[in-house]
Amino acid sequence: MRPEENSGQYILAKCSIFDYTVNNGWLIMKTSILPTPDVPNILVVDDEKVIREILAEFLTLEGFNVTTAEDGGAAVDLLANNHFNMVITDLKMPNIGGLDLLEIIKKKDQNILTVIMTGFGTVETAKEAMKKGAYDYIQKPFKVDEVLHIVQRAIEKQRLIDENIQLKQNVHLYRVSEEIATSLSANQIISTVMDTTVNAIKPDLVRLMLLDTGNDRFLEESRIQSEQWPEEELDGGELDMTLLVEIHGEGGEVLAHGPASDEFFRGTPPEDLYSFMTVPFIVRQRVIGLMAVYSFSPNKRFTEGQRKLLNLISARAASAIENARLYTNLQDTFRQTIQGLASALEAMDKYTSGHSDRVALYSRLIAVQMKLEKNEIELITQAALMHDIGKMGCHANLNKPGKLTGEEYEIFKAHPTFGKEILETITFLHALIPGVYLHHERWDGKGYPLGLSRTEIPLMARILAVADTYDAMTSDRAYRKALSHRVAVAELERCSGTQFDPDVVNAFLIAINRYREEQEQKSNQSESGDNASELPPRFTVINGG
């Protein structure tokens, strides 16, 4: 759309007014202003025309927006397509009476206040209506001042209720903001934002779009549909991302109702869309995503306050999502670093090829069996991959045929210290040092390099010690053939309580037997009969450290 003037106001389907400016021919909305947003809407329902006209005229003069209906049936139709703060209804009417209308209203919208009008002789019935949820009753014939008093009191009550709800939302928003700010998982942040939107706004559909930096396109990252629409998938339409990004990039806002929302879609807009708004995710003045919120329910019209609430959430989430992406990039660097170091180590000796992967597998099995936290499991797995990195500093041939000389053994004993020194130069690998440096310590204190004993030895190192020893025994070396699983297990049991932590040995025995049984079952089920062990992915995500 291209307005003739460069700035002004654009009336959107008679329901919203937008300030705009024109940028390269595009109309950019600056601020959405609903007409008289603080004026309550009142529906007067009575089968007597004179009553309807008197109340409508009087309440309109007092500054309220008033709509009238001649009976309960007409009122139901109006309620289906409009928002009202209050309904003033006669008790006795044809078609749908006041009590039935009260039941319908309560099922439709708990926030609508209902006032019952009744003639003399039916006061007890009116009181019964109040027990069913009516706010108050007006006895006919009435004085307009009495009606005004009841209406004002009801609207004030509703205002206080709304303020209380807003306060609760603000407290919830603070908690959500803290949760978002402390998370380094983009998926968790998105899930928190979506759940908060659903709980706070109760829309029929929410879609979250994020910029894919790889191809510079916006992709739908998440979608939640209200349980009120279980039988069908709501059509969210194809968002006009070019227009929406330009609007939000210029500081504009999008809140539209009915046909006014059509222009924000390419092609055919969603059918029966009643209310629509979007809030952006902006980082360093660049739109990296947006959240689109839909209402297909006539009684669910989004407000400027709700848009502002979501805007606060999206503003906090944008930075958190960007930080999570940076953290993911750091993790990628971490994986690549470990991959390069581990590959370089194993390239030095054909006999140790695959050793680090197997030690990582066995260490993970032990950690899982001991029910450690996920972060601990991942750190232990990574430390296992790096546990022999210090051998890169050992210049002697440690895998020669025959026994090592005394001098060669002393060189070998230095590899944990070399490993520690290598990792100390890489800040984000520091969390792996306890396992790399201390995996040759012994439970009885006779190990090296520090001679630590029992629980003085970090659990990570105690786990790596068992995993490393088992793989060393069951793998071929230049100086001997691999030992059988049975012999290796017997040796671990013999050294439990002296060389190894008994709890770690017990966990390993349980885990390795279960793992071998699973591998045997998979092998039997395999058409090829391939009995190769399935190693876990070498490079997994570390969520701490």
Protein backbone atom coordinates (compact mmCIF):
# COMPACT_ATOMS: atom_id res chain seq x y z
CA MET A 1 0.00 0.00 0.00
CA ARG A 2 1.36 3.45 -0.85
CA PRO A 3 -0.38 6.40 0.85
CA GLU A 4 -0.30 9.74 -0.87
CA GLU A 5 1.23 11.55 2.07
CA ASN A 6 4.57 10.79 3.72
CA SER A 7 3.15 10.55 7.22
CA GLY A 8 -0.19 10.54 8.97
CA GLN A 9 -2.73 8.02 10.20
CA TYR A 10 -4.04 4.98 8.43
CA ILE A 11 -7.44 3.64 9.44
CA LEU A 12 -7.30 -0.15 9.45
CA ALA A 13 -10.68 -1.83 9.01
CA LYS A 14 -12.31 0.70 11.33
CA CYS A 15 -10.89 -1.12 14.35
CA SER A 16 -7.35 0.16 14.71
CA ILE A 17 -5.53 3.37 13.92
CA PHE A 18 -1.84 3.25 13.05
CA ASP A 19 0.64 6.10 12.86
CA TYR A 20 2.91 5.52 9.91
CA THR A 21 5.78 6.79 7.85
CA VAL A 22 6.73 5.82 4.34
CA ASN A 23 10.08 4.20 3.61
CA ASN A 24 10.83 3.40 -0.04
CA GLY A 25 7.15 3.27 -0.76
CA TRP A 26 6.30 0.96 2.15
CA LEU A 27 3.89 2.01 4.86
CA ILE A 28 5.63 1.42 8.19
CA MET A 29 3.31 1.29 11.21
CA LYS A 30 4.66 3.09 14.23
CA THR A 31 2.08 2.78 16.95
CA SER A 32 -1.18 0.89 17.23
CA ILE A 33 -3.93 2.81 19.05
CA LEU A 34 -7.29 1.19 19.65
CA PRO A 35 -10.16 3.69 19.74
CA THR A 36 -11.00 4.72 23.32
CA PRO A 37 -9.25 1.63 24.69
CA ASP A 38 -10.19 2.30 28.35
CA VAL A 39 -13.94 2.73 27.69
CA PRO A 40 -15.86 -0.38 28.82
CA ASN A 41 -18.22 -2.10 26.36
CA ILE A 42 -21.66 -2.88 27.77
CA LEU A 43 -24.33 -5.12 26.25
CA VAL A 44 -27.93 -4.37 27.32
CA VAL A 45 -30.39 -7.23 26.77
CA ASP A 46 -34.14 -6.71 27.27
CA ASP A 47 -37.25 -7.60 25.27
CA GLU A 48 -38.74 -4.18 26.09
CA LYS A 49 -37.44 -1.64 23.58
CA VAL A 50 -38.02 1.35 25.84
CA ILE A 51 -35.85 -0.20 28.59
CA ARG A 52 -33.06 -0.88 26.08
CA GLU A 53 -33.20 2.67 24.72
CA ILE A 54 -33.25 4.37 28.12
CA LEU A 55 -30.25 2.40 29.42
CA ALA A 56 -28.34 2.76 26.15
CA GLU A 57 -28.83 6.53 26.01
CA PHE A 58 -28.03 7.10 29.65
CA LEU A 59 -24.91 4.88 29.77
CA THR A 60 -23.64 6.34 26.50
CA LEU A 61 -23.92 9.83 27.96
CA GLU A 62 -21.89 8.57 30.93
CA GLY A 63 -19.09 7.58 28.55
CA PHE A 64 -19.68 3.86 27.98
CA ASN A 65 -19.85 2.01 24.65
CA VAL A 66 -23.32 0.43 24.62
CA THR A 67 -24.83 -2.24 22.37
CA THR A 68 -28.37 -3.58 22.73
CA ALA A 69 -30.12 -6.90 22.02
CA GLU A 70 -33.83 -7.68 22.10
CA ASP A 71 -33.49 -11.16 23.65
CA GLY A 72 -31.00 -13.79 24.76
CA GLY A 73 -30.64 -15.29 21.31
CA ALA A 74 -29.58 -11.99 19.77
CA ALA A 75 -27.22 -11.44 22.71
CA VAL A 76 -25.51 -14.78 22.07
CA ASP A 77 -24.89 -13.76 18.45
CA LEU A 78 -23.38 -10.45 19.54
CA LEU A 79 -21.21 -12.13 22.18
CA ALA A 80 -19.85 -14.51 19.56
CA ASN A 81 -18.42 -11.70 17.46
CA ASN A 82 -17.66 -8.89 19.92
CA HIS A 83 -15.92 -8.22 23.20
CA PHE A 84 -17.92 -6.93 26.17
CA ASN A 85 -16.90 -6.04 29.70
CA MET A 86 -20.41 -6.25 31.07
CA VAL A 87 -23.84 -7.64 30.19
CA ILE A 88 -27.01 -6.15 31.73
CA THR A 89 -29.82 -8.59 31.01
CA ASP A 90 -33.49 -8.95 31.86
CA LEU A 91 -34.42 -12.10 33.73
CA LYS A 92 -37.63 -12.99 31.88
CA MET A 93 -37.30 -13.01 28.06
CA PRO A 94 -38.50 -15.15 25.16
CA ASN A 95 -36.13 -17.62 23.44
CA ILE A 96 -33.19 -17.49 25.86
CA GLY A 97 -33.90 -16.06 29.30
CA GLY A 98 -31.54 -14.27 31.65
CA LEU A 99 -30.48 -17.34 33.66
CA ASP A 100 -29.71 -19.36 30.53
CA LEU A 101 -27.80 -16.42 29.10
CA LEU A 102 -25.83 -16.21 32.35
CA GLU A 103 -24.78 -19.86 31.98
CA ILE A 104 -23.72 -19.26 28.38
CA ILE A 105 -21.67 -16.21 29.35
CA LYS A 106 -19.87 -18.04 32.14
CA LYS A 107 -18.89 -20.83 29.77
CA LYS A 108 -17.75 -18.31 27.16
CA ASP A 109 -15.77 -15.79 29.18
CA GLN A 110 -15.32 -15.76 32.96
CA ASN A 111 -14.24 -12.11 32.86
CA ILE A 112 -17.58 -10.73 31.63
CA LEU A 113 -19.59 -9.29 34.52
CA THR A 114 -23.34 -9.97 34.37
CA VAL A 115 -26.06 -7.87 36.02
CA ILE A 116 -29.61 -9.25 36.17
CA MET A 117 -32.68 -6.98 35.80
CA THR A 118 -35.86 -8.26 37.39
CA GLY A 119 -39.41 -7.13 38.05
CA PHE A 120 -41.13 -7.09 41.44
CA GLY A 121 -41.79 -10.56 42.81
CA THR A 122 -38.75 -12.23 41.31
CA VAL A 123 -36.08 -10.86 43.65
CA GLU A 124 -35.43 -14.31 45.10
CA THR A 125 -34.81 -15.59 41.59
CA ALA A 126 -32.38 -12.73 41.00
CA LYS A 127 -30.54 -13.61 44.19
CA GLU A 128 -30.34 -17.19 42.97
CA ALA A 129 -28.81 -15.86 39.76
CA MET A 130 -26.12 -14.13 41.83
CA LYS A 131 -25.29 -17.46 43.43
CA LYS A 132 -24.75 -18.80 39.92
CA GLY A 133 -22.27 -16.08 39.09
CA ALA A 134 -24.17 -12.85 38.40
CA TYR A 135 -22.40 -9.79 39.80
CA ASP A 136 -25.55 -7.98 41.01
CA TYR A 137 -29.19 -7.38 40.20
CA ILE A 138 -31.35 -4.35 39.36
CA GLN A 139 -34.97 -4.30 40.44
CA LYS A 140 -37.53 -2.79 38.08
CA PRO A 141 -38.68 -0.09 38.03
CA PHE A 142 -35.19 1.32 38.53
CA LYS A 143 -33.56 4.71 38.87
CA VAL A 144 -30.84 5.40 36.34
CA ASP A 145 -28.56 6.65 39.11
CA GLU A 146 -28.84 3.26 40.81
CA VAL A 147 -27.92 1.55 37.55
CA LEU A 148 -24.93 3.84 37.09
CA HIS A 149 -23.74 3.10 40.62
CA ILE A 150 -23.90 -0.65 40.04
CA VAL A 151 -22.15 -0.35 36.67
CA GLN A 152 -19.36 1.83 38.05
CA ARG A 153 -18.85 -0.50 41.00
CA ALA A 154 -18.73 -3.50 38.69
CA ILE A 155 -16.26 -1.88 36.30
CA GLU A 156 -14.04 -0.87 39.24
CA LYS A 157 -14.09 -4.46 40.49
CA GLN A 158 -13.14 -5.67 37.04
CA ARG A 159 -10.31 -3.14 36.91
CA LEU A 160 -8.93 -4.38 40.22
CA ILE A 161 -9.16 -7.97 39.03
CA ASP A 162 -7.33 -7.04 35.85
CA GLU A 163 -4.63 -5.21 37.83
CA ASN A 164 -4.19 -8.26 40.05
CA ILE A 165 -3.86 -10.47 37.01
CA GLN A 166 -1.36 -8.02 35.52
CA LEU A 167 0.65 -8.07 38.76
CA LYS A 168 0.77 -11.86 38.70
CA GLN A 169 1.83 -11.73 35.06
CA ASN A 170 4.61 -9.27 35.92
CA VAL A 171 5.90 -11.55 38.68
CA HIS A 172 5.73 -14.49 36.29
CA LEU A 173 7.46 -12.40 33.63
CA TYR A 174 10.32 -11.66 36.03
CA ARG A 175 10.78 -15.36 36.77
CA VAL A 176 10.61 -16.22 33.08
CA SER A 177 13.15 -13.51 32.29
CA GLU A 178 15.55 -14.96 34.85
CA GLU A 179 15.05 -18.45 33.43
CA ILE A 180 15.68 -17.20 29.89
CA ALA A 181 18.74 -15.18 30.88
CA THR A 182 20.45 -18.11 32.61
CA SER A 183 19.88 -20.67 29.86
CA LEU A 184 22.46 -21.52 27.22
CA SER A 185 20.14 -23.79 25.27
CA ALA A 186 18.31 -22.15 22.36
CA ASN A 187 15.69 -24.92 22.40
CA GLN A 188 15.01 -24.39 26.09
CA ILE A 189 14.70 -20.63 25.62
CA ILE A 190 12.26 -21.09 22.73
CA SER A 191 10.23 -23.58 24.75
CA THR A 192 10.07 -21.17 27.70
CA VAL A 193 8.96 -18.27 25.47
CA MET A 194 6.27 -20.36 23.79
CA ASP A 195 4.91 -21.79 27.05
CA THR A 196 4.84 -18.34 28.64
CA THR A 197 2.95 -16.91 25.67
CA VAL A 198 0.37 -19.68 25.80
CA ASN A 199 -0.16 -19.30 29.56
CA ALA A 200 -0.27 -15.49 29.56
CA ILE A 201 -2.23 -14.75 26.37
CA LYS A 202 -4.06 -18.01 25.74
CA PRO A 203 -3.98 -17.67 21.94
CA ASP A 204 -5.27 -20.27 19.51
CA LEU A 205 -1.97 -20.51 17.65
CA VAL A 206 1.62 -19.36 18.26
CA ARG A 207 4.44 -19.57 15.72
CA LEU A 208 8.07 -18.66 16.35
CA MET A 209 10.26 -17.86 13.35
CA LEU A 210 14.06 -17.56 13.56
CA LEU A 211 16.62 -16.46 11.01
CA ASP A 212 18.70 -19.31 9.63
CA THR A 213 22.06 -17.60 9.23
CA GLY A 214 23.21 -20.31 6.84
CA ASN A 215 20.79 -19.37 4.05
CA ASP A 216 19.49 -16.02 5.37
CA ARG A 217 15.89 -17.30 5.55
CA PHE A 218 13.36 -17.33 8.36
CA LEU A 219 12.28 -20.81 9.41
CA GLU A 220 9.53 -21.89 11.77
CA GLU A 221 11.33 -23.16 14.88
CA SER A 222 8.28 -23.87 17.02
CA ARG A 223 4.50 -24.01 16.81
CA ILE A 224 1.87 -24.49 19.52
CA GLN A 225 -1.85 -24.86 18.87
CA SER A 226 -4.54 -24.47 21.52
CA GLU A 227 -6.21 -27.60 22.86
CA GLN A 228 -9.52 -25.93 22.01
CA TRP A 229 -8.87 -26.94 18.39
CA PRO A 230 -8.02 -30.64 18.75
CA GLU A 231 -9.72 -31.83 15.57
CA GLU A 232 -7.90 -29.69 13.02
CA GLU A 233 -4.58 -28.03 12.36
CA LEU A 234 -5.06 -24.31 12.28
CA ASP A 235 -3.83 -22.56 9.14
CA GLY A 236 -1.30 -19.93 10.09
CA GLY A 237 -0.89 -18.79 6.48
CA GLU A 238 2.36 -17.70 4.85
CA LEU A 239 3.70 -14.73 6.76
CA ASP A 240 5.01 -11.83 4.69
CA MET A 241 8.36 -11.87 6.43
CA THR A 242 9.78 -9.12 4.22
CA LEU A 243 7.08 -6.69 5.35
CA LEU A 244 7.08 -7.79 8.99
CA VAL A 245 10.87 -7.58 9.29
CA GLU A 246 10.83 -4.13 7.72
CA ILE A 247 8.08 -2.93 10.06
CA HIS A 248 9.81 -4.22 13.19
CA GLY A 249 13.21 -3.12 11.92
CA GLU A 250 11.89 0.45 11.77
CA GLY A 251 10.55 0.20 15.31
CA GLY A 252 6.99 -0.52 14.20
CA GLU A 253 4.40 -2.70 15.91
CA VAL A 254 1.82 -5.12 14.55
CA LEU A 255 -1.54 -5.58 16.26
CA ALA A 256 -4.51 -6.05 13.94
CA HIS A 257 -8.03 -7.46 14.04
CA GLY A 258 -10.18 -9.17 11.41
CA PRO A 259 -9.47 -8.28 7.75
CA ALA A 260 -6.90 -5.72 8.87
CA SER A 261 -4.44 -8.56 9.40
CA ASP A 262 -4.67 -9.81 5.78
CA GLU A 263 -1.84 -7.61 4.53
CA PHE A 264 0.69 -9.36 6.77
CA PHE A 265 0.33 -12.58 4.78
CA ARG A 266 1.38 -13.63 1.31
CA GLY A 267 -1.32 -15.23 -0.79
CA THR A 268 -4.52 -16.29 0.95
CA PRO A 269 -4.64 -15.13 4.59
CA PRO A 270 -5.85 -17.51 7.33
CA GLU A 271 -9.60 -18.02 7.28
CA ASP A 272 -11.65 -16.58 10.15
CA LEU A 273 -8.64 -14.87 11.76
CA TYR A 274 -10.13 -12.63 14.45
CA SER A 275 -7.04 -11.07 16.05
CA PHE A 276 -3.33 -11.12 15.18
CA MET A 277 -0.07 -9.68 16.45
CA THR A 278 3.66 -10.17 16.07
CA VAL A 279 6.60 -9.26 18.31
CA PRO A 280 10.22 -9.22 17.08
CA PHE A 281 13.47 -10.69 18.36
CA ILE A 282 16.02 -7.93 17.79
CA VAL A 283 19.76 -8.09 18.45
CA ARG A 284 22.02 -5.14 17.64
CA GLN A 285 19.22 -3.46 15.64
CA ARG A 286 18.78 -6.55 13.47
CA VAL A 287 15.63 -8.68 13.44
CA ILE A 288 16.70 -12.29 14.03
CA GLY A 289 13.19 -13.65 14.46
CA LEU A 290 9.60 -12.96 15.44
CA MET A 291 6.68 -14.57 17.19
CA ALA A 292 3.27 -14.53 15.51
CA VAL A 293 0.20 -14.93 17.73
CA TYR A 294 -3.25 -15.80 16.35
CA SER A 295 -6.81 -15.77 17.65
CA PHE A 296 -9.58 -17.48 15.70
CA SER A 297 -12.06 -17.04 18.57
CA PRO A 298 -14.41 -14.00 18.43
CA ASN A 299 -14.22 -13.57 22.20
CA LYS A 300 -10.41 -13.51 22.16
CA ARG A 301 -9.24 -10.10 20.96
CA PHE A 302 -5.61 -9.24 21.70
CA THR A 303 -4.90 -5.97 23.49
CA GLU A 304 -2.08 -3.46 23.43
CA GLY A 305 -1.18 -4.52 26.97
CA GLN A 306 -0.75 -8.12 25.83
CA ARG A 307 1.42 -7.01 22.93
CA LYS A 308 3.63 -5.04 25.29
CA LEU A 309 3.90 -8.04 27.60
CA LEU A 310 5.06 -10.29 24.76
CA ASN A 311 7.42 -7.59 23.54
CA LEU A 312 9.14 -7.57 26.93
CA ILE A 313 9.53 -11.34 26.77
CA SER A 314 10.83 -11.31 23.19
CA ALA A 315 13.31 -8.53 23.99
CA ARG A 316 14.85 -10.61 26.79
CA ALA A 317 14.73 -13.79 24.76
CA ALA A 318 16.45 -12.28 21.71
CA SER A 319 19.73 -11.69 23.54
CA ALA A 320 19.49 -15.08 25.21
CA ILE A 321 18.97 -16.84 21.88
CA GLU A 322 21.94 -15.00 20.39
CA ASN A 323 24.08 -15.98 23.38
CA ALA A 324 22.98 -19.59 23.04
CA ARG A 325 23.99 -19.56 19.38
CA LEU A 326 27.41 -18.15 20.30
CA TYR A 327 27.75 -20.85 22.95
CA THR A 328 26.87 -23.49 20.37
CA ASN A 329 29.60 -22.13 18.11
CA LEU A 330 32.02 -22.40 21.03
CA GLN A 331 30.95 -26.00 21.54
CA ASP A 332 31.62 -26.68 17.86
CA THR A 333 35.11 -25.29 18.33
CA PHE A 334 35.48 -27.51 21.39
CA ARG A 335 34.48 -30.61 19.44
CA GLN A 336 36.79 -29.77 16.57
CA THR A 337 39.68 -29.18 18.97
CA ILE A 338 39.18 -32.53 20.70
CA GLN A 339 38.76 -34.29 17.37
CA GLY A 340 42.03 -32.86 16.10
CA LEU A 341 43.98 -33.65 19.27
CA ALA A 342 42.60 -37.18 19.62
CA SER A 343 43.23 -37.96 15.95
CA ALA A 344 46.80 -36.65 16.21
CA LEU A 345 47.45 -38.82 19.26
CA GLU A 346 46.12 -42.02 17.72
CA ALA A 347 48.02 -41.41 14.47
CA MET A 348 51.25 -41.83 16.44
CA ASP A 349 50.73 -45.55 17.11
CA LYS A 350 48.58 -48.10 15.29
CA TYR A 351 48.21 -50.13 18.50
CA THR A 352 46.44 -47.30 20.30
CA SER A 353 44.08 -46.54 17.41
CA GLY A 354 40.51 -46.52 18.77
CA HIS A 355 41.72 -46.70 22.39
CA SER A 356 40.41 -43.26 23.33
CA ASP A 357 37.00 -43.97 21.80
CA ARG A 358 36.69 -47.23 23.71
CA VAL A 359 37.78 -45.67 27.00
CA ALA A 360 35.18 -42.95 26.39
CA LEU A 361 32.53 -45.62 25.81
CA TYR A 362 33.38 -47.53 28.99
CA SER A 363 33.61 -44.33 31.03
CA ARG A 364 30.18 -43.26 29.84
CA LEU A 365 28.73 -46.67 30.73
CA ILE A 366 30.13 -46.36 34.26
CA ALA A 367 28.91 -42.78 34.71
CA VAL A 368 25.40 -43.67 33.53
CA GLN A 369 25.30 -46.73 35.80
CA MET A 370 26.31 -44.53 38.75
CA LYS A 371 23.42 -42.20 37.86
CA LEU A 372 25.56 -39.09 37.54
CA GLU A 373 24.16 -35.82 36.22
CA LYS A 374 24.07 -35.37 32.45
CA ASN A 375 26.73 -32.65 32.53
CA GLU A 376 29.06 -34.88 34.55
CA ILE A 377 28.56 -37.75 32.13
CA GLU A 378 29.47 -35.57 29.16
CA LEU A 379 32.53 -34.12 30.87
CA ILE A 380 33.77 -37.59 31.82
CA THR A 381 33.27 -38.79 28.25
CA GLN A 382 35.27 -35.88 26.88
CA ALA A 383 38.02 -36.33 29.46
CA ALA A 384 38.25 -40.00 28.46
CA LEU A 385 38.80 -38.99 24.85
CA MET A 386 41.68 -36.77 25.96
CA HIS A 387 43.11 -38.88 28.80
CA ASP A 388 46.33 -39.84 26.97
CA ILE A 389 46.94 -36.51 25.22
CA GLY A 390 50.11 -36.10 27.29
CA LYS A 391 51.75 -38.96 25.39
CA MET A 392 52.33 -36.44 22.62
CA GLY A 393 55.08 -35.07 24.86
CA CYS A 394 56.71 -38.46 25.42
CA HIS A 395 59.53 -39.00 22.94
CA ALA A 396 60.27 -42.64 23.87
CA ASN A 397 58.67 -45.59 22.05
CA LEU A 398 56.17 -46.70 24.66
CA ASN A 399 54.67 -49.50 22.55
CA LYS A 400 57.85 -51.34 21.65
CA PRO A 401 57.96 -55.15 21.96
CA GLY A 402 59.09 -56.21 25.39
CA LYS A 403 59.24 -54.55 28.79
CA LEU A 404 59.96 -50.83 29.22
CA THR A 405 63.26 -49.86 30.77
CA GLY A 406 63.32 -47.91 34.01
CA GLU A 407 64.04 -44.71 32.14
CA GLU A 408 61.26 -45.37 29.62
CA TYR A 409 58.80 -46.08 32.44
CA GLU A 410 59.63 -42.76 34.09
CA ILE A 411 58.99 -41.03 30.75
CA PHE A 412 55.67 -42.86 30.50
CA LYS A 413 54.71 -41.77 34.03
CA ALA A 414 55.17 -38.16 32.95
CA HIS A 415 52.35 -38.24 30.37
CA PRO A 416 49.58 -37.18 32.83
CA THR A 417 51.61 -34.09 33.72
CA PHE A 418 52.26 -33.36 30.05
CA GLY A 419 48.51 -33.71 29.42
CA LYS A 420 47.71 -31.28 32.22
CA GLU A 421 50.18 -28.75 30.82
CA ILE A 422 48.69 -29.04 27.31
CA LEU A 423 45.13 -28.51 28.54
CA GLU A 424 46.08 -25.61 30.81
CA THR A 425 46.83 -23.56 27.69
CA ILE A 426 43.23 -24.04 26.43
CA THR A 427 40.80 -22.33 28.81
CA PHE A 428 37.63 -24.14 27.77
CA LEU A 429 39.31 -27.55 28.28
CA HIS A 430 40.18 -26.92 31.93
CA ALA A 431 37.23 -28.97 33.17
CA LEU A 432 38.88 -32.10 31.71
CA ILE A 433 42.17 -31.71 33.60
CA PRO A 434 41.23 -33.77 36.73
CA GLY A 435 40.58 -36.84 34.60
CA VAL A 436 43.60 -36.39 32.32
CA TYR A 437 46.04 -35.56 35.13
CA LEU A 438 44.95 -38.07 37.80
CA HIS A 439 43.70 -41.21 36.01
CA HIS A 440 46.81 -43.14 37.12
CA GLU A 441 46.22 -42.51 40.82
CA ARG A 442 45.36 -45.61 42.91
CA TRP A 443 42.71 -46.19 45.53
CA ASP A 444 45.41 -47.26 48.03
CA GLY A 445 47.52 -44.13 47.43
CA LYS A 446 50.35 -45.87 45.54
CA GLY A 447 49.65 -44.24 42.17
CA TYR A 448 51.04 -41.18 40.45
CA PRO A 449 51.64 -38.27 39.90
CA LEU A 450 50.44 -37.03 43.34
CA GLY A 451 49.94 -40.24 45.35
CA LEU A 452 46.33 -39.40 46.20
CA SER A 453 44.12 -42.06 47.78
CA ARG A 454 40.46 -43.01 48.00
CA THR A 455 38.05 -40.04 47.62
CA GLU A 456 40.94 -37.57 47.40
CA ILE A 457 41.02 -38.74 43.80
CA PRO A 458 38.33 -36.99 41.73
CA LEU A 459 35.52 -39.35 40.67
CA MET A 460 36.23 -38.53 37.03
CA ALA A 461 39.77 -39.89 37.41
CA ARG A 462 38.61 -43.00 39.31
CA ILE A 463 36.19 -43.83 36.50
CA LEU A 464 38.80 -43.27 33.79
CA ALA A 465 41.26 -45.52 35.65
CA VAL A 466 38.94 -48.53 35.45
CA ALA A 467 37.88 -47.86 31.85
CA ASP A 468 41.49 -47.30 30.71
CA THR A 469 42.79 -50.46 32.41
CA TYR A 470 40.02 -52.68 31.01
CA ASP A 471 40.63 -51.50 27.45
CA ALA A 472 44.40 -51.82 27.84
CA MET A 473 43.99 -55.44 28.94
CA THR A 474 41.50 -56.37 26.20
CA SER A 475 43.41 -54.72 23.33
CA ASP A 476 46.42 -55.94 21.35
CA ARG A 477 49.73 -54.32 22.15
CA ALA A 478 53.15 -54.63 20.50
CA TYR A 479 54.38 -56.60 23.49
CA ARG A 480 51.38 -58.95 23.98
CA LYS A 481 48.05 -60.15 22.63
CA ALA A 482 44.72 -58.95 24.03
CA LEU A 483 43.39 -60.68 27.15
CA SER A 484 39.87 -62.10 27.19
CA HIS A 485 36.96 -60.28 28.75
CA ARG A 486 36.77 -62.92 31.50
CA VAL A 487 40.44 -62.56 32.44
CA ALA A 488 40.23 -58.74 32.40
CA VAL A 489 37.14 -58.76 34.64
CA ALA A 490 38.85 -61.13 37.08
CA GLU A 491 41.83 -58.78 37.28
CA LEU A 492 39.59 -55.78 37.98
CA GLU A 493 37.83 -57.70 40.74
CA ARG A 494 41.19 -58.73 42.25
CA CYS A 495 42.42 -55.11 42.29
CA SER A 496 39.14 -53.63 43.56
CA GLY A 497 39.82 -51.85 46.85
CA THR A 498 43.56 -51.56 46.21
CA GLN A 499 44.14 -50.11 42.76
CA PHE A 500 40.53 -49.20 41.96
CA ASP A 501 37.49 -47.67 43.69
CA PRO A 502 35.22 -50.67 44.54
CA ASP A 503 32.05 -48.73 43.70
CA VAL A 504 33.41 -47.83 40.27
CA VAL A 505 34.44 -51.43 39.59
CA ASN A 506 30.99 -52.72 40.60
CA ALA A 507 29.28 -50.15 38.37
CA PHE A 508 31.55 -51.10 35.47
CA LEU A 509 30.89 -54.83 35.82
CA ILE A 510 27.14 -54.31 35.77
CA ALA A 511 27.31 -51.86 32.86
CA ILE A 512 29.75 -53.82 30.70
CA ASN A 513 27.82 -57.08 31.06
CA ARG A 514 24.58 -55.36 30.08
CA TYR A 515 26.31 -53.63 27.18
CA ARG A 516 27.82 -56.90 25.90
CA GLU A 517 24.43 -58.62 26.09
CA GLU A 518 22.82 -55.77 24.13
CA GLN A 519 25.56 -55.95 21.50
CA GLU A 520 25.15 -59.72 21.22
CA GLN A 521 21.40 -59.32 20.70
CA LYS A 522 21.97 -56.70 18.04
CA SER A 523 24.52 -58.92 16.38
CA ASN A 524 22.11 -61.87 16.32
CA GLN A 525 19.39 -59.66 14.84
CA SER A 526 21.68 -58.23 12.20
CA GLU A 527 21.37 -59.79 8.75
CA SER A 528 25.08 -59.28 8.16
CA GLY A 529 26.09 -60.82 11.47
CA ASP A 530 28.50 -57.94 12.06
CA ASN A 531 29.62 -58.07 15.70
CA ALA A 532 31.37 -54.70 15.78
CA SER A 533 30.77 -52.61 18.87
CA GLU A 534 28.63 -49.55 18.38
CA LEU A 535 30.56 -46.67 19.86
CA PRO A 536 28.70 -43.52 20.90
CA PRO A 537 29.32 -40.29 19.03
CA ARG A 538 32.85 -39.15 19.85
CA PHE A 539 31.98 -35.53 20.26
CA THR A 540 28.97 -34.78 22.42
CA VAL A 541 27.65 -31.51 23.80
CA ILE A 542 29.06 -30.24 27.09
CA ASN A 543 26.54 -28.16 29.04
CA GLY A 544 28.90 -26.97 31.70
CA GLY A 545 32.46 -26.76 32.74
